[in-house]
Protein backbone atom coordinates (compact mmCIF):
# COMPACT_ATOMS: atom_id res chain seq x y z
CA UNK A 1 61.88 31.81 23.30
CA UNK A 2 63.95 34.90 22.39
CA UNK A 3 63.57 36.59 19.01
CA UNK A 4 65.73 39.58 18.12
CA UNK A 5 65.27 41.50 14.87
CA UNK A 6 67.49 44.28 13.47
CA UNK A 7 68.63 45.33 16.95
CA UNK A 8 70.77 48.45 17.26
CA UNK A 9 72.16 50.42 20.19
CA UNK A 10 74.19 53.63 20.00
CA UNK A 11 76.26 55.35 22.67
CA UNK A 12 76.92 58.83 21.29
CA UNK A 13 78.59 58.10 17.93
CA UNK A 14 79.59 54.53 18.80
CA UNK A 15 77.46 51.61 17.60
CA UNK A 16 77.52 49.12 20.47
CA UNK A 17 75.13 46.63 18.83
CA UNK A 18 74.80 46.73 15.04
CA UNK A 19 71.81 45.14 13.29
CA UNK A 20 71.66 42.01 15.43
CA UNK A 21 69.29 39.21 14.38
CA UNK A 22 69.02 36.14 16.59
CA UNK A 23 66.52 33.44 17.53
CA UNK A 24 66.92 31.33 20.66
CA UNK A 25 64.57 28.30 20.68
CA UNK A 26 62.96 26.58 23.65
CA UNK A 27 64.74 23.80 25.51
CA UNK A 28 68.36 24.73 24.78
CA UNK A 29 71.45 26.02 26.52
CA UNK A 30 72.49 28.91 24.27
CA UNK A 31 75.92 30.49 24.58
CA UNK A 32 76.49 34.15 23.72
CA UNK A 33 80.20 34.69 23.15
CA UNK A 34 82.45 37.59 22.28
CA UNK A 35 85.58 39.46 23.38
CA UNK A 36 85.46 42.30 25.90
CA UNK A 37 83.49 45.23 24.53
CA UNK A 38 81.84 43.15 21.80
CA UNK A 39 78.31 44.09 22.86
CA UNK A 40 77.28 41.03 24.89
CA UNK A 41 76.24 42.79 28.09
CA UNK A 42 74.61 45.66 26.15
CA UNK A 43 72.52 43.12 24.23
CA UNK A 44 71.55 41.29 27.41
CA UNK A 45 70.57 44.56 29.11
CA UNK A 46 68.30 45.38 26.19
CA UNK A 47 66.72 41.91 26.35
CA UNK A 48 65.94 42.25 30.07
CA UNK A 49 64.77 45.87 29.77
CA UNK A 50 67.62 47.67 31.52
CA UNK A 51 68.48 49.50 28.29
CA UNK A 52 66.12 50.67 25.57
CA UNK A 53 67.10 49.74 22.04
CA UNK A 54 67.48 52.51 19.49
CA UNK A 55 66.20 50.32 16.67
CA UNK A 56 64.84 46.82 16.28
CA UNK A 57 62.56 44.46 18.11
CA UNK A 58 62.95 41.96 20.96
CA UNK A 59 60.34 39.33 21.82
CA UNK A 60 60.37 36.90 24.74
CA UNK A 61 57.98 34.00 24.29
CA UNK A 62 56.07 36.11 21.78
CA UNK A 63 55.86 39.20 24.02
CA UNK A 64 57.40 42.47 22.79
CA UNK A 65 59.73 43.71 25.55
CA UNK A 66 59.29 47.35 24.56
CA UNK A 67 55.49 47.45 24.41
CA UNK A 68 54.63 44.95 27.16
CA UNK A 69 57.66 44.96 29.49
CA UNK A 70 55.87 43.69 32.60
CA UNK A 71 54.47 40.62 30.84
CA UNK A 72 57.89 39.95 29.29
CA UNK A 73 59.63 40.17 32.68
CA UNK A 74 57.27 37.56 34.13
CA UNK A 75 58.80 34.98 31.81
CA UNK A 76 62.49 35.18 32.74
CA UNK A 77 65.04 35.50 35.50
CA UNK A 78 68.20 37.55 35.07
CA UNK A 79 71.57 37.20 36.75
CA UNK A 80 73.90 40.15 35.97
CA UNK A 81 77.67 39.97 35.70
CA UNK A 82 78.06 41.77 39.03
CA UNK A 83 75.87 40.83 42.03
CA UNK A 84 74.99 44.35 43.23
CA UNK A 85 72.01 43.66 45.49
CA UNK A 86 70.44 45.17 48.60
CA UNK A 87 73.27 45.24 51.13
CA UNK A 88 71.05 45.95 54.15
CA UNK A 89 68.84 42.91 53.60
CA UNK A 90 69.67 39.43 54.76
CA UNK A 91 70.06 36.80 52.08
CA UNK A 92 66.75 35.23 53.10
CA UNK A 93 64.95 38.58 52.96
CA UNK A 94 66.27 39.20 49.45
CA UNK A 95 65.17 35.76 48.20
CA UNK A 96 61.73 36.22 49.80
CA UNK A 97 61.47 39.65 48.17
CA UNK A 98 62.00 38.03 44.76
CA UNK A 99 59.46 35.34 45.65
CA UNK A 100 56.96 38.07 46.61
CA UNK A 101 57.46 39.85 43.28
CA UNK A 102 56.58 36.64 41.44
CA UNK A 103 53.76 35.80 43.89
CA UNK A 104 55.26 32.47 44.87
CA UNK A 105 53.39 30.53 47.55
CA UNK A 106 54.95 30.20 50.99
CA UNK A 107 55.13 26.43 50.63
CA UNK A 108 56.84 26.54 47.23
CA UNK A 109 59.31 29.26 48.17
CA UNK A 110 60.38 27.46 51.34
CA UNK A 111 60.81 24.24 49.38
CA UNK A 112 62.96 25.96 46.75
CA UNK A 113 64.99 28.01 49.24
CA UNK A 114 65.88 24.79 51.06
CA UNK A 115 66.69 23.01 47.79
CA UNK A 116 68.99 25.66 46.31
CA UNK A 117 70.59 26.68 49.63
CA UNK A 118 71.69 23.07 49.97
CA UNK A 119 72.93 22.88 46.38
CA UNK A 120 75.03 26.04 46.77
CA UNK A 121 75.95 25.33 50.41
CA UNK A 122 74.40 28.54 51.70
CA UNK A 123 72.22 27.16 54.53
CA UNK A 124 74.35 28.78 57.25
CA UNK A 125 74.44 32.16 55.48
CA UNK A 126 70.77 32.74 54.69
CA UNK A 127 70.30 35.01 57.70
CA UNK A 128 73.55 36.92 57.22
CA UNK A 129 73.40 40.52 56.01
CA UNK A 130 74.28 40.67 52.33
CA UNK A 131 76.94 43.32 52.93
CA UNK A 132 78.84 40.78 55.05
CA UNK A 133 78.94 38.16 52.28
CA UNK A 134 81.79 37.59 49.83
CA UNK A 135 81.38 38.22 46.10
CA UNK A 136 80.94 34.51 45.47
CA UNK A 137 78.28 34.17 48.16
CA UNK A 138 76.40 37.17 46.76
CA UNK A 139 76.51 35.49 43.36
CA UNK A 140 74.97 32.36 44.87
CA UNK A 141 72.18 34.40 46.48
CA UNK A 142 71.38 36.09 43.15
CA UNK A 143 71.30 32.67 41.48
CA UNK A 144 68.94 31.30 44.15
CA UNK A 145 66.71 34.35 43.65
CA UNK A 146 66.67 33.69 39.90
CA UNK A 147 65.85 30.01 40.23
CA UNK A 148 63.32 30.19 43.05
CA UNK A 149 60.28 31.13 40.95
CA UNK A 150 60.99 28.54 38.24
CA UNK A 151 60.98 30.83 35.17
CA UNK A 152 60.72 29.71 31.55
CA UNK A 153 63.94 31.48 30.64
CA UNK A 154 67.23 32.04 32.47
CA UNK A 155 69.38 34.95 31.24
CA UNK A 156 72.83 34.76 32.80
CA UNK A 157 75.67 37.22 32.21
CA UNK A 158 78.98 35.54 33.10
CA UNK A 159 77.29 33.41 35.79
CA UNK A 160 80.39 31.43 36.84
CA UNK A 161 82.46 34.50 37.76
CA UNK A 162 83.22 34.43 41.49
CA UNK A 163 81.90 30.91 42.06
CA UNK A 164 84.08 28.19 43.50
CA UNK A 165 84.68 25.02 41.46
CA UNK A 166 81.97 22.98 43.22
CA UNK A 167 79.31 25.68 42.80
CA UNK A 168 80.25 26.18 39.13
CA UNK A 169 79.88 22.44 38.55
CA UNK A 170 76.48 22.39 40.25
CA UNK A 171 75.29 25.46 38.33
CA UNK A 172 76.23 23.79 35.04
CA UNK A 173 74.18 20.75 36.07
CA UNK A 174 71.23 23.01 36.94
CA UNK A 175 71.48 24.73 33.54
CA UNK A 176 71.49 21.42 31.68
CA UNK A 177 68.58 20.00 33.71
CA UNK A 178 66.66 23.27 33.22
CA UNK A 179 66.93 22.90 29.43
CA UNK A 180 66.05 19.21 29.53
CA UNK A 181 62.80 20.13 31.30
CA UNK A 182 61.91 22.47 28.42
CA UNK A 183 63.33 25.72 29.79
CA UNK A 184 65.79 27.94 27.93
CA UNK A 185 69.18 29.14 29.19
CA UNK A 186 70.80 32.12 27.46
CA UNK A 187 74.20 32.94 28.93
CA UNK A 188 77.36 34.84 28.15
CA UNK A 189 80.79 33.54 29.04
CA UNK A 190 84.46 34.15 28.32
CA UNK A 191 85.32 30.53 29.11
CA UNK A 192 85.36 28.70 25.79
CA UNK A 193 85.70 25.29 27.42
CA UNK A 194 82.44 25.85 29.33
CA UNK A 195 80.63 26.95 26.16
CA UNK A 196 81.99 24.02 24.17
CA UNK A 197 80.83 21.45 26.72
CA UNK A 198 77.56 23.10 27.75
CA UNK A 199 75.94 24.70 24.74
CA UNK A 200 73.47 23.25 22.27
CA UNK A 201 73.83 26.38 20.15
CA UNK A 202 76.21 29.34 20.13
CA UNK A 203 76.25 32.90 18.81
CA UNK A 204 79.48 34.90 18.52
CA UNK A 205 79.40 38.69 18.48
CA UNK A 206 82.32 41.00 17.70
CA UNK A 207 82.35 44.81 17.56
CA UNK A 208 78.58 44.80 17.86
CA UNK A 209 77.99 42.49 14.91
CA UNK A 210 76.91 38.86 14.90
CA UNK A 211 79.67 36.95 13.11
CA UNK A 212 78.63 33.32 13.67
CA UNK A 213 75.71 31.31 15.03
CA UNK A 214 74.49 27.73 15.13
CA UNK A 215 75.56 24.46 16.66
CA UNK A 216 79.24 23.93 17.35
CA UNK A 217 79.37 21.55 14.37
CA UNK A 218 77.84 24.19 12.09
CA UNK A 219 80.24 26.88 13.29
CA UNK A 220 83.19 24.49 13.00
CA UNK A 221 82.18 23.60 9.42
CA UNK A 222 82.15 27.28 8.39
CA UNK A 223 85.51 28.10 10.03
CA UNK A 224 88.98 27.59 8.54
CA UNK A 225 90.21 26.07 11.81
CA UNK A 226 88.12 23.00 12.68
CA UNK A 227 89.72 22.50 16.10
CA UNK A 228 88.51 23.61 19.52
CA UNK A 229 85.93 26.34 20.03
CA UNK A 230 88.71 28.50 21.48
CA UNK A 231 90.70 28.28 18.24
CA UNK A 232 87.60 28.96 16.14
CA UNK A 233 86.68 31.91 18.38
CA UNK A 234 90.15 33.43 17.99
CA UNK A 235 90.04 32.94 14.22
CA UNK A 236 86.65 34.62 13.90
CA UNK A 237 87.29 37.54 16.26
CA UNK A 238 90.81 38.37 15.12
């Protein structure tokens, strides 16, 4: 679903992402891990088209993101690490705006708004102005907007940040069910326990370089410490 070849990104003299090669197959929950400043968000922003790579190639479902960005964007939904959305809209207006962009029918959008508003317990807040919502509620609205048009690929940057325990649990269930239906979830997280329990495959990046990838068993086999993912992560990044 995602294919990255020889990806590089520079900020002045700093190399933020250094010769990254990665393939994310269909039907998996794929964790993208790394310490602060490792290059996770920069990589994700290049995948979704918010940053232009300096070198390398990114394909989503066979579509080159640089040369056919509109077609590539049709295939995924993106949830950033900070839910900065249109403060003057209501939550319902924002979700309908996303549905309009993806040309979702009125019947299907209403069905999905009802479904996900119930899952995230946002029914009573759909007509509230976004500026009046808490950070966690804004995060839920962004998630509903991402899920409403039923994309092939979900790209999530720290999606559990700001969510309460119940909403985090329900989001994890949604991610697993999404992959089981043949979709792909690519997400970054700092929470090793979540990655260990959720992910079919994992990639670890540090100082812009990919330092490990594969299933947890494969990464564990190549590490000196064969314990928890947290211990392996600390070994590899320190």
